[in-house]
Amino acid sequence: MAHQFEFEGQSGHGYRYQPFEGAGPISPTGANYLFVKMKAGERKVVFAGETECLHKGVHSGWDKAKKTFGANTILVRLNVTRAIRKAELEDIVALHNPPMNGDEE
């Protein structure tokens, strides 16, 4: 099993994410994902997103996250239900305030 990373939301609930590379074949299922800058044990969420189709949505904005904010890891959490994905996204963004969220491209 791939290593998992837990990120807490504003609610205090923890969400477990795994590295995108360790998620197996790219799934067409819905998911939440994070672009994260990991360095010396520190984890900074650069962007939190959700998509109905993981194999299409997860790469949107990745180049900007790497070049502008130093993101070096994509983490994913499979969630089929849109309502659950949206609630989790709002919870994560509320606590971590990722710099790319709300940034209109």
C-alpha atoms as a PDB file:
ATOM      1  CA  MET A   1       0.000   0.000   0.000  1.00  0.00           C
ATOM      2  CA  ALA A   2       1.255   3.467  -0.874  1.00  0.00           C
ATOM      3  CA  HIS A   3       2.285   5.843   1.864  1.00  0.00           C
ATOM      4  CA  GLN A   4      -0.597   8.034   2.997  1.00  0.00           C
ATOM      5  CA  PHE A   5      -0.533  11.621   4.209  1.00  0.00           C
ATOM      6  CA  GLU A   6      -3.223  13.031   6.453  1.00  0.00           C
ATOM      7  CA  PHE A   7      -4.371  16.614   6.076  1.00  0.00           C
ATOM      8  CA  GLU A   8      -6.746  18.131   8.579  1.00  0.00           C
ATOM      9  CA  GLY A   9      -9.606  20.381   7.545  1.00  0.00           C
ATOM     10  CA  GLN A  10     -11.074  23.393   9.360  1.00  0.00           C
ATOM     11  CA  SER A  11     -13.608  21.030  10.959  1.00  0.00           C
ATOM     12  CA  GLY A  12     -10.832  19.007  12.598  1.00  0.00           C
ATOM     13  CA  HIS A  13     -11.590  16.008  10.376  1.00  0.00           C
ATOM     14  CA  GLY A  14      -8.549  14.277   8.869  1.00  0.00           C
ATOM     15  CA  TYR A  15      -8.404  13.269   5.203  1.00  0.00           C
ATOM     16  CA  ARG A  16      -5.921  10.664   3.972  1.00  0.00           C
ATOM     17  CA  TYR A  17      -4.287  11.252   0.604  1.00  0.00           C
ATOM     18  CA  GLN A  18      -1.824   9.104  -1.289  1.00  0.00           C
ATOM     19  CA  PRO A  19       0.808  10.055  -3.861  1.00  0.00           C
ATOM     20  CA  PHE A  20      -0.648  10.226  -7.357  1.00  0.00           C
ATOM     21  CA  GLU A  21       2.027   7.843  -8.659  1.00  0.00           C
ATOM     22  CA  GLY A  22       0.996   5.309  -6.011  1.00  0.00           C
ATOM     23  CA  ALA A  23      -2.689   5.503  -6.829  1.00  0.00           C
ATOM     24  CA  GLY A  24      -2.429   2.753  -9.464  1.00  0.00           C
ATOM     25  CA  PRO A  25      -3.807   3.158 -12.965  1.00  0.00           C
ATOM     26  CA  ILE A  26      -5.246   6.610 -13.611  1.00  0.00           C
ATOM     27  CA  SER A  27      -8.862   6.216 -12.704  1.00  0.00           C
ATOM     28  CA  PRO A  28     -11.802   7.881 -14.430  1.00  0.00           C
ATOM     29  CA  THR A  29     -13.495   8.183 -11.029  1.00  0.00           C
ATOM     30  CA  GLY A  30     -14.013  11.345  -9.026  1.00  0.00           C
ATOM     31  CA  ALA A  31     -11.357  12.500  -6.586  1.00  0.00           C
ATOM     32  CA  ASN A  32      -9.995  15.280  -4.447  1.00  0.00           C
ATOM     33  CA  TYR A  33      -6.382  16.218  -5.042  1.00  0.00           C
ATOM     34  CA  LEU A  34      -3.705  18.434  -3.568  1.00  0.00           C
ATOM     35  CA  PHE A  35      -0.626  20.051  -5.068  1.00  0.00           C
ATOM     36  CA  VAL A  36       1.831  20.096  -2.186  1.00  0.00           C
ATOM     37  CA  LYS A  37       5.285  21.497  -1.555  1.00  0.00           C
ATOM     38  CA  MET A  38       7.104  18.959   0.619  1.00  0.00           C
ATOM     39  CA  LYS A  39      10.454  19.919   2.046  1.00  0.00           C
ATOM     40  CA  ALA A  40      12.314  18.794   5.164  1.00  0.00           C
ATOM     41  CA  GLY A  41       9.226  17.318   6.794  1.00  0.00           C
ATOM     42  CA  GLU A  42       7.099  20.390   6.067  1.00  0.00           C
ATOM     43  CA  ARG A  43       3.962  20.143   3.919  1.00  0.00           C
ATOM     44  CA  LYS A  44       2.390  23.224   2.328  1.00  0.00           C
ATOM     45  CA  VAL A  45      -0.807  22.886   0.331  1.00  0.00           C
ATOM     46  CA  VAL A  46      -0.401  25.012  -2.801  1.00  0.00           C
ATOM     47  CA  PHE A  47      -3.723  24.032  -4.397  1.00  0.00           C
ATOM     48  CA  ALA A  48      -6.700  21.881  -3.393  1.00  0.00           C
ATOM     49  CA  GLY A  49      -9.042  20.659  -6.097  1.00  0.00           C
ATOM     50  CA  GLU A  50     -11.718  18.167  -6.957  1.00  0.00           C
ATOM     51  CA  THR A  51     -12.640  16.538 -10.216  1.00  0.00           C
ATOM     52  CA  GLU A  52     -15.296  14.210 -11.579  1.00  0.00           C
ATOM     53  CA  CYS A  53     -12.676  12.450 -13.697  1.00  0.00           C
ATOM     54  CA  LEU A  54      -9.241  11.981 -12.134  1.00  0.00           C
ATOM     55  CA  HIS A  55      -7.410  11.134 -15.342  1.00  0.00           C
ATOM     56  CA  LYS A  56      -8.568  14.438 -16.899  1.00  0.00           C
ATOM     57  CA  GLY A  57      -8.677  16.878 -14.005  1.00  0.00           C
ATOM     58  CA  VAL A  58      -5.648  16.304 -11.831  1.00  0.00           C
ATOM     59  CA  HIS A  59      -3.063  17.954 -14.100  1.00  0.00           C
ATOM     60  CA  SER A  60      -4.871  21.270 -14.551  1.00  0.00           C
ATOM     61  CA  GLY A  61      -2.701  23.963 -12.963  1.00  0.00           C
ATOM     62  CA  TRP A  62       0.179  21.613 -12.117  1.00  0.00           C
ATOM     63  CA  ASP A  63       2.781  23.517 -14.158  1.00  0.00           C
ATOM     64  CA  LYS A  64       1.912  26.783 -12.404  1.00  0.00           C
ATOM     65  CA  ALA A  65       1.992  25.072  -8.998  1.00  0.00           C
ATOM     66  CA  LYS A  66       5.495  23.764  -9.710  1.00  0.00           C
ATOM     67  CA  LYS A  67       6.974  26.885 -11.285  1.00  0.00           C
ATOM     68  CA  THR A  68       5.372  29.575  -9.133  1.00  0.00           C
ATOM     69  CA  PHE A  69       4.919  27.885  -5.759  1.00  0.00           C
ATOM     70  CA  GLY A  70       7.475  25.058  -5.727  1.00  0.00           C
ATOM     71  CA  ALA A  71       4.953  22.217  -5.529  1.00  0.00           C
ATOM     72  CA  ASN A  72       6.650  18.866  -5.969  1.00  0.00           C
ATOM     73  CA  THR A  73       3.948  16.315  -5.115  1.00  0.00           C
ATOM     74  CA  ILE A  74       0.419  15.510  -6.258  1.00  0.00           C
ATOM     75  CA  LEU A  75      -1.686  13.717  -3.674  1.00  0.00           C
ATOM     76  CA  VAL A  76      -5.092  12.175  -4.397  1.00  0.00           C
ATOM     77  CA  ARG A  77      -8.076  10.877  -2.474  1.00  0.00           C
ATOM     78  CA  LEU A  78     -10.723   8.982  -4.431  1.00  0.00           C
ATOM     79  CA  ASN A  79     -14.270  10.208  -3.728  1.00  0.00           C
ATOM     80  CA  VAL A  80     -17.047   9.199  -6.082  1.00  0.00           C
ATOM     81  CA  THR A  81     -19.788  11.422  -4.636  1.00  0.00           C
ATOM     82  CA  ARG A  82     -19.635  15.052  -5.756  1.00  0.00           C
ATOM     83  CA  ALA A  83     -21.204  16.366  -2.523  1.00  0.00           C
ATOM     84  CA  ILE A  84     -18.497  14.660  -0.457  1.00  0.00           C
ATOM     85  CA  ARG A  85     -15.738  16.001  -2.732  1.00  0.00           C
ATOM     86  CA  LYS A  86     -17.086  19.562  -2.500  1.00  0.00           C
ATOM     87  CA  ALA A  87     -17.442  19.447   1.302  1.00  0.00           C
ATOM     88  CA  GLU A  88     -13.924  18.060   1.714  1.00  0.00           C
ATOM     89  CA  LEU A  89     -12.496  20.674  -0.641  1.00  0.00           C
ATOM     90  CA  GLU A  90     -14.142  23.514   1.292  1.00  0.00           C
ATOM     91  CA  ASP A  91     -12.912  22.067   4.608  1.00  0.00           C
ATOM     92  CA  ILE A  92      -9.298  21.742   3.399  1.00  0.00           C
ATOM     93  CA  VAL A  93      -9.239  25.195   1.764  1.00  0.00           C
ATOM     94  CA  ALA A  94     -10.706  26.846   4.873  1.00  0.00           C
ATOM     95  CA  LEU A  95      -7.815  25.651   7.043  1.00  0.00           C
ATOM     96  CA  HIS A  96      -4.862  25.648   4.638  1.00  0.00           C
ATOM     97  CA  ASN A  97      -5.715  28.687   2.486  1.00  0.00           C
ATOM     98  CA  PRO A  98      -3.781  27.410  -0.569  1.00  0.00           C
ATOM     99  CA  PRO A  99      -2.360  30.314  -2.589  1.00  0.00           C
ATOM    100  CA  MET A 100      -3.715  29.005  -5.922  1.00  0.00           C
ATOM    101  CA  ASN A 101      -7.294  28.519  -4.712  1.00  0.00           C
ATOM    102  CA  GLY A 102      -9.407  31.452  -5.765  1.00  0.00           C
ATOM    103  CA  ASP A 103      -6.665  32.464  -8.220  1.00  0.00           C
ATOM    104  CA  GLU A 104      -8.424  33.053 -11.515  1.00  0.00           C
ATOM    105  CA  GLU A 105      -6.314  32.027 -14.478  1.00  0.00           C
END
